[in-house]
Amino acid sequence: MPELPEVESVVRSLAPHVLGACIDGVTLLRPESLHKDSLPLNSLLGSCITSVSRRGKLILLGLEQEAFPKRFLVVHLRMTGALLCHPHETPAGSHTRCIFSLQRQDSSSSLFFDDIRCFGSLFLATQAMLMSWRFYTELGPEPLETNLALFLSRLEQKKSATIKAALLDQKVLAGLGNIYTDESLFLAKIHPERTVASLSRDEKKCLLACIKQILRKAIKGCGTSFRNYQDANGRAGAFQNELAVYGRDKKPCIKCKTPLKKIRVCGRGTVFCPRCQH
């Protein structure tokens, strides 16, 4: 948490607030939130935000400034990170780790990076630095942009793994996590402990279609809110109201009414229907 739909929702809600704005102040309240290889954040002063995008679970703010090549502020929210837009001079909260002061032609505002558990990070990097960052370069394809041939080739590298473990591997597909893996496997009627090698081509084709269907629905619902997730406007997601299996251990299956079962697969709590999923 947050996963692809939540990060995409943050990107979409953040863009109207920051695109075209220039950074005229940076206050780093927790130095440990800065990636060890990051450029200093004070070099951001005078930069303009020209793009807001997502890669897997990463948020990338594109930055342009005359004295520098194009750079990117990469935000990894991890478990409890959040990017929130506030009026100018809003005081820091107890979980605020960094504040960016933004200036437009006719207004001022503040962008807060809040992080309750402090697992998230900020990384200011050039394009060359991104291309030498192993975590970034090893990310798999975007699920919503992946075709069947590419999906099959990625799964081929994980033949002995369970399908749940393979889907959680960011080198197979970028952005999936526990919630949407469980939901996709349920929709595809595939047991999470089956090995990749045991799946037929038709089952893998169905699974990819289900992954895309679940992710599109979750993005439409602005993601799933458990505990503290919120978008850049401070709004919670609504997709938790449509979850079929995640968080529903022992509750009746929405299709067959069999009590759902929770097990651990690759160290992660996994909920599935013992009757519908084979």
Protein backbone atom coordinates (compact mmCIF):
# COMPACT_ATOMS: atom_id res chain seq x y z
CA MET A 1 0.00 0.00 0.00
CA PRO A 2 -0.36 2.21 -1.89
CA GLU A 3 -0.37 0.28 -5.17
CA LEU A 4 -0.73 1.29 -8.81
CA PRO A 5 -4.33 2.61 -8.62
CA GLU A 6 -3.62 4.69 -5.52
CA VAL A 7 -0.42 6.14 -6.97
CA GLU A 8 -2.19 6.88 -10.26
CA SER A 9 -4.94 8.65 -8.31
CA VAL A 10 -2.34 10.78 -6.52
CA VAL A 11 -0.72 11.68 -9.85
CA ARG A 12 -4.03 12.70 -11.40
CA SER A 13 -5.13 14.75 -8.40
CA LEU A 14 -1.69 16.34 -7.97
CA ALA A 15 -1.14 17.49 -11.56
CA PRO A 16 -3.62 20.42 -11.57
CA HIS A 17 -2.01 21.83 -8.41
CA VAL A 18 1.64 21.68 -9.42
CA LEU A 19 2.01 21.74 -13.21
CA GLY A 20 3.62 24.99 -14.26
CA ALA A 21 4.50 25.96 -10.71
CA CYS A 22 8.02 26.96 -9.73
CA ILE A 23 9.68 25.78 -6.53
CA ASP A 24 10.83 28.75 -4.45
CA GLY A 25 11.44 26.99 -1.16
CA VAL A 26 12.25 23.55 0.25
CA THR A 27 12.17 22.54 3.91
CA LEU A 28 13.45 19.03 4.61
CA LEU A 29 12.23 18.13 8.08
CA ARG A 30 13.52 14.56 8.10
CA PRO A 31 16.86 14.12 6.25
CA GLU A 32 16.45 10.33 6.40
CA SER A 33 13.53 10.64 3.95
CA LEU A 34 16.00 11.68 1.25
CA HIS A 35 17.38 8.82 -0.86
CA LYS A 36 21.09 8.28 -0.18
CA ASP A 37 22.02 8.97 -3.83
CA SER A 38 19.81 12.03 -4.24
CA LEU A 39 21.00 15.41 -5.41
CA PRO A 40 20.55 18.08 -2.70
CA LEU A 41 16.98 19.35 -2.55
CA ASN A 42 18.10 22.97 -2.25
CA SER A 43 19.20 22.74 -5.89
CA LEU A 44 15.47 22.61 -6.74
CA LEU A 45 15.05 26.31 -6.07
CA GLY A 46 13.97 28.03 -9.27
CA SER A 47 12.91 24.80 -10.96
CA CYS A 48 9.54 24.59 -12.72
CA ILE A 49 7.39 21.44 -12.62
CA THR A 50 6.69 20.47 -16.22
CA SER A 51 5.30 16.95 -15.84
CA VAL A 52 3.67 14.64 -13.30
CA SER A 53 3.77 10.94 -14.11
CA ARG A 54 3.88 7.45 -12.63
CA ARG A 55 6.16 4.45 -13.16
CA GLY A 56 5.01 1.41 -11.21
CA LYS A 57 4.47 2.70 -7.66
CA LEU A 58 6.76 5.70 -8.18
CA ILE A 59 5.64 9.30 -8.72
CA LEU A 60 7.89 11.39 -10.98
CA LEU A 61 7.80 15.18 -11.07
CA GLY A 62 9.64 16.45 -14.13
CA LEU A 63 11.69 19.59 -13.40
CA GLU A 64 13.26 22.11 -15.75
CA GLN A 65 15.65 24.91 -14.95
CA GLU A 66 18.05 26.86 -17.16
CA ALA A 67 21.22 25.97 -15.30
CA PHE A 68 20.51 22.23 -15.12
CA PRO A 69 19.62 19.34 -17.41
CA LYS A 70 16.08 18.04 -16.92
CA ARG A 71 15.71 16.39 -13.54
CA PHE A 72 13.09 14.33 -11.76
CA LEU A 73 11.87 14.36 -8.19
CA VAL A 74 10.98 10.72 -7.61
CA VAL A 75 8.60 10.06 -4.73
CA HIS A 76 8.19 6.54 -3.36
CA LEU A 77 5.19 6.55 -1.01
CA ARG A 78 5.71 2.98 0.22
CA MET A 79 3.39 2.11 3.13
CA THR A 80 2.17 5.45 4.51
CA GLY A 81 3.58 8.22 2.33
CA ALA A 82 1.33 10.97 0.97
CA LEU A 83 1.67 14.06 -1.21
CA LEU A 84 -0.80 16.72 -0.11
CA CYS A 85 -1.46 20.21 -1.44
CA HIS A 86 -2.10 22.96 1.11
CA PRO A 87 -2.46 26.75 1.13
CA HIS A 88 0.79 28.69 1.39
CA GLU A 89 2.30 28.86 4.90
CA THR A 90 0.25 25.95 6.25
CA PRO A 91 2.23 24.72 9.29
CA ALA A 92 3.89 21.29 9.21
CA GLY A 93 1.99 18.42 10.76
CA SER A 94 3.44 15.79 13.10
CA HIS A 95 4.09 13.46 10.16
CA THR A 96 5.32 16.03 7.64
CA ARG A 97 8.77 15.11 6.31
CA CYS A 98 9.31 17.75 3.62
CA ILE A 99 7.56 20.92 2.38
CA PHE A 100 7.93 22.39 -1.10
CA SER A 101 6.84 26.01 -1.55
CA LEU A 102 5.26 26.54 -4.97
CA GLN A 103 4.78 29.79 -6.82
CA ARG A 104 2.55 30.44 -9.80
CA GLN A 105 2.04 33.75 -11.53
CA ASP A 106 -1.01 34.56 -9.43
CA SER A 107 -0.88 32.23 -6.41
CA SER A 108 1.28 30.44 -3.84
CA SER A 109 0.82 27.01 -2.29
CA SER A 110 2.66 24.27 -0.44
CA LEU A 111 3.23 20.64 -1.33
CA PHE A 112 3.69 18.40 1.72
CA PHE A 113 5.35 15.01 1.78
CA ASP A 114 3.85 13.30 4.83
CA ASP A 115 4.87 9.84 5.96
CA ILE A 116 3.64 8.28 9.21
CA ARG A 117 5.97 5.28 9.30
CA CYS A 118 8.89 6.93 7.47
CA PHE A 119 9.42 4.19 4.88
CA GLY A 120 8.86 6.51 1.92
CA SER A 121 11.59 8.44 0.15
CA LEU A 122 12.42 11.43 -2.05
CA PHE A 123 15.03 11.13 -4.79
CA LEU A 124 16.13 14.09 -6.92
CA ALA A 125 17.86 12.67 -9.97
CA THR A 126 18.92 13.44 -13.53
CA GLN A 127 17.81 11.16 -16.35
CA ALA A 128 21.24 9.53 -16.28
CA MET A 129 20.93 8.87 -12.55
CA LEU A 130 17.54 7.25 -13.07
CA MET A 131 18.98 5.02 -15.76
CA SER A 132 21.68 3.83 -13.36
CA TRP A 133 19.21 3.20 -10.51
CA ARG A 134 18.75 -0.55 -10.52
CA PHE A 135 15.34 -0.50 -8.85
CA TYR A 136 14.03 1.78 -11.58
CA THR A 137 15.61 0.07 -14.58
CA GLU A 138 14.48 -3.40 -13.45
CA LEU A 139 10.81 -2.46 -13.16
CA GLY A 140 8.63 -4.65 -15.33
CA PRO A 141 6.13 -3.37 -17.89
CA GLU A 142 3.09 -1.34 -16.92
CA PRO A 143 0.13 -3.76 -16.52
CA LEU A 144 -2.35 -1.59 -18.42
CA GLU A 145 0.07 -1.27 -21.34
CA THR A 146 1.20 -4.90 -21.44
CA ASN A 147 0.25 -7.24 -24.27
CA LEU A 148 -0.10 -11.00 -23.91
CA ALA A 149 3.25 -11.84 -25.54
CA LEU A 150 5.14 -9.61 -23.11
CA PHE A 151 3.18 -10.93 -20.12
CA LEU A 152 3.91 -14.53 -21.12
CA SER A 153 7.61 -13.81 -21.55
CA ARG A 154 7.80 -12.22 -18.09
CA LEU A 155 5.99 -15.14 -16.47
CA GLU A 156 8.29 -17.58 -18.27
CA GLN A 157 11.13 -16.32 -16.07
CA LYS A 158 9.15 -17.33 -12.94
CA LYS A 159 7.93 -20.80 -13.92
CA SER A 160 8.63 -22.45 -10.57
CA ALA A 161 7.13 -19.63 -8.48
CA THR A 162 3.55 -19.45 -7.30
CA ILE A 163 1.45 -17.15 -9.44
CA LYS A 164 0.88 -14.89 -6.42
CA ALA A 165 4.63 -14.49 -5.89
CA ALA A 166 5.20 -13.84 -9.59
CA LEU A 167 2.60 -11.07 -9.74
CA LEU A 168 4.04 -9.39 -6.67
CA ASP A 169 7.49 -9.33 -8.28
CA GLN A 170 7.92 -5.80 -9.65
CA LYS A 171 10.18 -7.18 -12.36
CA VAL A 172 7.23 -9.10 -13.83
CA LEU A 173 4.68 -6.28 -13.74
CA ALA A 174 5.22 -2.86 -12.19
CA GLY A 175 2.73 -1.61 -9.65
CA LEU A 176 0.82 -4.66 -8.43
CA GLY A 177 0.66 -5.37 -4.70
CA ASN A 178 -1.24 -7.59 -2.33
CA ILE A 179 -4.69 -6.06 -2.83
CA TYR A 180 -4.92 -6.14 -6.59
CA THR A 181 -3.09 -9.44 -6.96
CA ASP A 182 -5.68 -11.16 -4.74
CA GLU A 183 -8.55 -9.42 -6.53
CA SER A 184 -7.21 -10.33 -9.99
CA LEU A 185 -6.63 -13.97 -9.10
CA PHE A 186 -10.17 -14.24 -7.75
CA LEU A 187 -11.67 -12.72 -10.89
CA ALA A 188 -9.58 -15.09 -13.02
CA LYS A 189 -10.61 -18.09 -10.80
CA ILE A 190 -6.96 -19.03 -10.21
CA HIS A 191 -5.71 -20.40 -6.88
CA PRO A 192 -2.88 -18.18 -5.57
CA GLU A 193 -0.65 -21.17 -4.71
CA ARG A 194 -0.59 -22.61 -8.21
CA THR A 195 2.78 -22.45 -9.90
CA VAL A 196 3.24 -20.35 -12.99
CA ALA A 197 4.21 -23.51 -14.89
CA SER A 198 0.83 -25.10 -14.09
CA LEU A 199 -1.14 -22.36 -15.81
CA SER A 200 -2.28 -22.83 -19.39
CA ARG A 201 -1.87 -20.13 -22.00
CA ASP A 202 -5.61 -19.44 -21.87
CA GLU A 203 -5.48 -19.06 -18.08
CA LYS A 204 -2.62 -16.57 -18.37
CA LYS A 205 -4.51 -14.68 -21.07
CA CYS A 206 -7.58 -14.54 -18.82
CA LEU A 207 -5.45 -13.43 -15.87
CA LEU A 208 -3.94 -10.50 -17.77
CA ALA A 209 -7.41 -9.38 -18.84
CA CYS A 210 -8.60 -9.60 -15.23
CA ILE A 211 -5.61 -7.62 -13.95
CA LYS A 212 -6.42 -4.84 -16.38
CA GLN A 213 -10.12 -4.92 -15.51
CA ILE A 214 -9.47 -4.72 -11.76
CA LEU A 215 -6.90 -1.93 -12.10
CA ARG A 216 -9.18 0.18 -14.32
CA LYS A 217 -12.06 -0.19 -11.88
CA ALA A 218 -9.81 0.67 -8.94
CA ILE A 219 -8.44 3.77 -10.67
CA LYS A 220 -12.00 4.85 -11.46
CA GLY A 221 -12.77 4.47 -7.75
CA CYS A 222 -9.64 6.50 -6.84
CA GLY A 223 -8.03 3.46 -5.22
CA THR A 224 -8.54 1.59 -1.98
CA SER A 225 -8.37 3.37 1.36
CA PHE A 226 -7.25 1.36 4.35
CA ARG A 227 -5.82 3.25 7.32
CA ASN A 228 -4.38 6.49 5.92
CA TYR A 229 -4.31 6.53 2.08
CA GLN A 230 -5.54 9.75 0.47
CA ASP A 231 -4.96 11.57 -2.80
CA ALA A 232 -3.35 14.99 -3.22
CA ASN A 233 -6.62 16.69 -2.27
CA GLY A 234 -6.87 14.71 0.97
CA ARG A 235 -9.70 12.52 -0.36
CA ALA A 236 -9.95 8.82 0.45
CA GLY A 237 -10.48 6.17 -2.21
CA ALA A 238 -13.71 4.21 -2.61
CA PHE A 239 -12.67 0.90 -4.16
CA GLN A 240 -12.58 -0.84 -0.76
CA ASN A 241 -16.37 -1.01 -1.13
CA GLU A 242 -15.97 -3.24 -4.19
CA LEU A 243 -13.31 -5.67 -2.95
CA ALA A 244 -14.28 -9.30 -3.50
CA VAL A 245 -11.65 -11.05 -1.37
CA TYR A 246 -9.01 -8.75 0.11
CA GLY A 247 -9.77 -8.08 3.77
CA ARG A 248 -12.78 -10.44 3.69
CA ASP A 249 -11.36 -13.54 5.40
CA LYS A 250 -14.15 -15.92 6.58
CA LYS A 251 -16.85 -13.83 4.92
CA PRO A 252 -19.02 -15.48 2.23
CA CYS A 253 -17.74 -15.48 -1.34
CA ILE A 254 -19.71 -12.97 -3.41
CA LYS A 255 -20.23 -15.67 -6.07
CA CYS A 256 -20.77 -19.00 -4.30
CA LYS A 257 -21.24 -17.99 -0.62
CA THR A 258 -18.44 -20.34 0.52
CA PRO A 259 -16.47 -18.78 3.42
CA LEU A 260 -13.31 -17.18 2.11
CA LYS A 261 -10.01 -18.52 3.40
CA LYS A 262 -6.83 -16.71 4.41
CA ILE A 263 -3.40 -18.29 4.00
CA ARG A 264 0.15 -17.02 3.63
CA VAL A 265 1.77 -17.10 0.22
CA CYS A 266 5.35 -15.84 -0.15
CA GLY A 267 5.00 -14.32 3.29
CA ARG A 268 1.90 -12.29 2.46
CA GLY A 269 -1.61 -12.68 3.82
CA THR A 270 -3.70 -14.03 0.94
CA VAL A 271 -7.49 -14.34 0.81
CA PHE A 272 -9.20 -16.54 -1.76
CA CYS A 273 -12.28 -18.66 -2.37
CA PRO A 274 -11.50 -22.40 -1.96
CA ARG A 275 -14.42 -23.27 -4.24
CA CYS A 276 -14.17 -20.71 -7.06
CA GLN A 277 -10.40 -20.62 -7.41
CA HIS A 278 -8.65 -23.68 -8.77
